[in-house]
Protein backbone atom coordinates (compact mmCIF):
# COMPACT_ATOMS: atom_id res chain seq x y z
CA MET A 1 -85.53 -165.23 -70.60
CA LYS A 2 -89.12 -165.70 -69.42
CA ARG A 3 -87.88 -167.88 -66.60
CA VAL A 4 -85.37 -165.25 -65.48
CA VAL A 5 -88.02 -162.51 -65.48
CA LEU A 6 -90.45 -164.79 -63.66
CA LEU A 7 -87.80 -165.72 -61.09
CA LEU A 8 -86.81 -162.09 -60.51
CA SER A 9 -90.46 -161.09 -60.15
CA ALA A 10 -91.02 -163.84 -57.59
CA LEU A 11 -87.94 -162.78 -55.63
CA LEU A 12 -89.08 -159.17 -55.58
CA LEU A 13 -92.54 -160.19 -54.45
CA LEU A 14 -91.19 -162.43 -51.70
CA SER A 15 -88.68 -159.86 -50.49
CA GLY A 16 -91.53 -157.43 -49.93
CA CYS A 17 -93.05 -159.89 -47.46
CA ALA A 18 -89.90 -160.29 -45.41
CA LYS A 19 -89.54 -158.39 -42.17
CA SER A 20 -86.75 -155.90 -42.10
CA ILE A 21 -84.47 -156.58 -39.18
CA GLU A 22 -83.97 -153.41 -37.20
CA PRO A 23 -81.19 -153.28 -34.66
CA ILE A 24 -82.39 -152.77 -31.11
CA ALA A 25 -80.49 -149.88 -29.62
CA GLY A 26 -79.30 -150.13 -26.08
CA LYS A 27 -77.89 -147.40 -23.92
CA VAL A 28 -75.40 -147.19 -21.12
CA VAL A 29 -77.44 -146.10 -18.12
CA PRO A 30 -76.30 -144.77 -14.74
CA CYS A 31 -76.13 -147.15 -11.82
CA THR A 32 -77.94 -144.77 -9.47
CA GLU A 33 -81.15 -146.82 -9.70
CA ILE A 34 -79.51 -149.99 -8.35
CA SER A 35 -81.06 -151.00 -5.02
CA VAL A 36 -78.38 -151.11 -2.32
CA GLU A 37 -78.21 -151.31 1.46
CA LYS A 38 -76.40 -148.05 2.29
CA SER A 39 -75.32 -149.21 5.74
CA ILE A 40 -72.96 -151.76 4.15
CA THR A 41 -69.61 -150.08 3.62
CA ASP A 42 -67.23 -152.99 3.12
CA GLY A 43 -66.94 -155.33 0.17
CA VAL A 44 -66.11 -155.49 -3.52
CA GLN A 45 -66.60 -152.07 -5.10
CA LEU A 46 -67.30 -152.00 -8.83
CA GLY A 47 -67.60 -148.92 -10.98
CA CYS A 48 -70.51 -148.23 -13.30
CA LEU A 49 -70.24 -148.87 -17.03
CA ASP A 50 -71.21 -145.22 -17.59
CA GLY A 51 -67.99 -144.21 -15.83
CA GLY A 52 -69.80 -143.08 -12.69
CA GLU A 53 -70.03 -144.47 -9.21
CA GLY A 54 -71.06 -148.10 -9.05
CA ALA A 55 -71.88 -150.19 -6.01
CA LEU A 56 -70.54 -152.61 -3.44
CA LEU A 57 -71.55 -156.12 -4.51
CA GLN A 58 -72.39 -157.06 -0.93
CA SER A 59 -74.83 -154.14 -0.69
CA LEU A 60 -77.07 -155.17 -3.61
CA ARG A 61 -80.67 -155.94 -2.61
CA GLY A 62 -83.41 -157.68 -4.52
CA PRO A 63 -85.48 -159.03 -5.76
CA MET A 64 -82.78 -158.75 -8.39
CA LEU A 65 -81.00 -160.65 -11.10
CA ILE A 66 -77.29 -159.99 -11.47
CA ASN A 67 -76.22 -161.11 -14.93
CA VAL A 68 -72.44 -161.47 -15.28
CA TRP A 69 -71.31 -161.11 -18.89
CA GLY A 70 -68.48 -160.15 -21.22
CA SER A 71 -68.63 -158.80 -24.77
CA TRP A 72 -66.26 -161.56 -25.86
CA CYS A 73 -68.67 -164.26 -24.60
CA TYR A 74 -70.74 -165.78 -27.42
CA GLU A 75 -73.39 -167.26 -25.12
CA CYS A 76 -73.79 -163.87 -23.39
CA GLY A 77 -74.92 -162.32 -26.66
CA ILE A 78 -77.31 -165.21 -27.33
CA GLU A 79 -79.17 -164.75 -24.03
CA MET A 80 -79.55 -160.94 -24.27
CA PRO A 81 -82.89 -160.98 -26.19
CA TYR A 82 -84.39 -163.15 -23.42
CA LEU A 83 -83.10 -160.80 -20.74
CA ARG A 84 -84.39 -157.76 -22.69
CA SER A 85 -87.87 -159.23 -22.92
CA PHE A 86 -87.84 -160.27 -19.26
CA TYR A 87 -86.67 -156.80 -18.19
CA ALA A 88 -89.52 -155.14 -20.08
CA LYS A 89 -92.03 -157.29 -18.16
CA ALA A 90 -90.30 -157.29 -14.78
CA GLN A 91 -89.85 -153.55 -14.21
CA GLY A 92 -91.09 -152.63 -10.76
CA LYS A 93 -91.00 -156.27 -9.63
CA VAL A 94 -87.48 -157.56 -10.28
CA ALA A 95 -84.40 -155.44 -10.89
CA LEU A 96 -81.79 -156.47 -13.45
CA VAL A 97 -78.15 -155.47 -13.10
CA GLY A 98 -75.36 -156.46 -15.44
CA VAL A 99 -71.76 -156.97 -14.42
CA ASP A 100 -69.22 -156.78 -17.24
CA VAL A 101 -66.05 -158.76 -16.52
CA GLU A 102 -62.71 -159.49 -18.16
CA GLU A 103 -63.08 -156.76 -20.76
CA LYS A 104 -60.28 -155.23 -22.84
CA ASN A 105 -61.59 -151.74 -22.16
CA ILE A 106 -64.73 -149.93 -21.10
CA GLU A 107 -65.49 -148.73 -24.64
CA THR A 108 -65.81 -152.33 -25.88
CA ALA A 109 -68.28 -153.07 -23.10
CA GLN A 110 -70.29 -149.90 -23.82
CA LYS A 111 -70.52 -150.84 -27.50
CA PHE A 112 -71.79 -154.32 -26.53
CA VAL A 113 -74.52 -152.69 -24.41
CA GLU A 114 -75.57 -150.42 -27.27
CA ASN A 115 -75.50 -153.18 -29.91
CA ASN A 116 -77.42 -155.70 -27.80
CA GLY A 117 -80.30 -153.51 -26.66
CA ILE A 118 -79.30 -153.46 -22.99
CA THR A 119 -81.17 -150.72 -21.11
CA TRP A 120 -80.53 -151.76 -17.51
CA PRO A 121 -77.57 -150.61 -15.41
CA SER A 122 -74.29 -152.48 -15.68
CA LEU A 123 -71.42 -152.47 -13.27
CA TYR A 124 -67.90 -152.64 -14.68
CA ASP A 125 -65.19 -154.87 -13.23
CA ALA A 126 -62.06 -153.29 -14.67
CA ASP A 127 -59.56 -155.29 -12.63
CA GLY A 128 -61.18 -158.69 -11.97
CA SER A 129 -61.98 -157.88 -8.35
CA SER A 130 -65.36 -159.66 -8.56
CA ARG A 131 -63.81 -163.09 -9.22
CA GLY A 132 -63.75 -163.87 -5.51
CA TYR A 133 -67.45 -163.05 -5.30
CA PHE A 134 -68.79 -164.48 -8.59
CA GLY A 135 -66.10 -167.02 -9.46
CA MET A 136 -64.83 -167.59 -12.98
CA GLY A 137 -66.82 -168.04 -16.15
CA VAL A 138 -69.71 -166.33 -17.88
CA PRO A 139 -72.55 -166.10 -18.37
CA VAL A 140 -73.80 -166.62 -14.86
CA THR A 141 -76.89 -165.07 -13.30
CA TRP A 142 -77.44 -164.62 -9.59
CA PHE A 143 -80.96 -164.38 -8.18
CA ILE A 144 -80.73 -162.03 -5.19
CA ALA A 145 -83.43 -161.99 -2.49
CA ALA A 146 -84.73 -158.82 -0.81
CA ASP A 147 -82.31 -159.32 2.11
CA GLY A 148 -79.31 -159.55 -0.24
CA SER A 149 -78.84 -163.30 0.08
CA VAL A 150 -78.21 -165.43 -2.98
CA ALA A 151 -81.39 -167.37 -3.66
CA TYR A 152 -80.07 -169.17 -6.75
CA LYS A 153 -77.09 -169.20 -9.11
CA LYS A 154 -77.76 -170.04 -12.77
CA ILE A 155 -74.57 -171.09 -14.55
CA GLY A 156 -74.64 -170.74 -18.33
CA GLY A 157 -76.88 -168.80 -20.66
CA PHE A 158 -80.64 -168.76 -20.64
CA LYS A 159 -82.30 -170.79 -23.40
CA ASN A 160 -85.51 -168.74 -23.42
CA GLU A 161 -87.39 -166.07 -21.51
CA LEU A 162 -89.73 -168.56 -19.84
CA GLU A 163 -86.74 -170.06 -18.02
CA ILE A 164 -85.98 -166.66 -16.43
CA ILE A 165 -89.63 -166.11 -15.49
CA GLU A 166 -89.92 -169.57 -13.91
CA LEU A 167 -86.68 -169.22 -11.94
CA SER A 168 -87.78 -165.77 -10.70
CA ALA A 169 -91.06 -167.24 -9.50
CA LYS A 170 -89.37 -170.19 -7.84
CA TYR A 171 -86.47 -168.42 -6.13
CA LEU A 172 -87.65 -164.82 -5.72
CA ASP A 173 -91.38 -165.48 -5.31
CA VAL A 174 -92.12 -162.99 -8.09
CA THR A 175 -94.88 -163.70 -10.58
CA LEU A 176 -94.87 -161.94 -13.94
């Protein structure tokens, strides 16, 4: 009996030292803050995940990261903490825009945003029209230069935040 009491006391003591894991709440934000070249009027038009007007892919201007994801993609969820941390540091220097693809419905995508702490705008590809622009497969992240050209295409998920910072410095000439 002494051992049981001692074991329970130790467990209670140790559990008091553990961090409680709080979910990080994201929010579906409007796409009005996405930097675009307004003179471009032709291209692939995507809606915004908030249900509002989105943007023409060809009109996006950087420095910007376009992260293509899907809620059904395991690796996409794994890289989100790295993107969240990068976004917090990069505001005002590098924009971050998500593009949700191959989703069952917009509500599933919105829930993914909220559950994964995403607070940057996300475009929504309801009908797969971005495949010709991005290709198939996720996650993929495009590094977009100020003139709208693709400076680099990262296929696969990020392994850490430092990787994003280093690629931004190398391909977008942005130091964080």
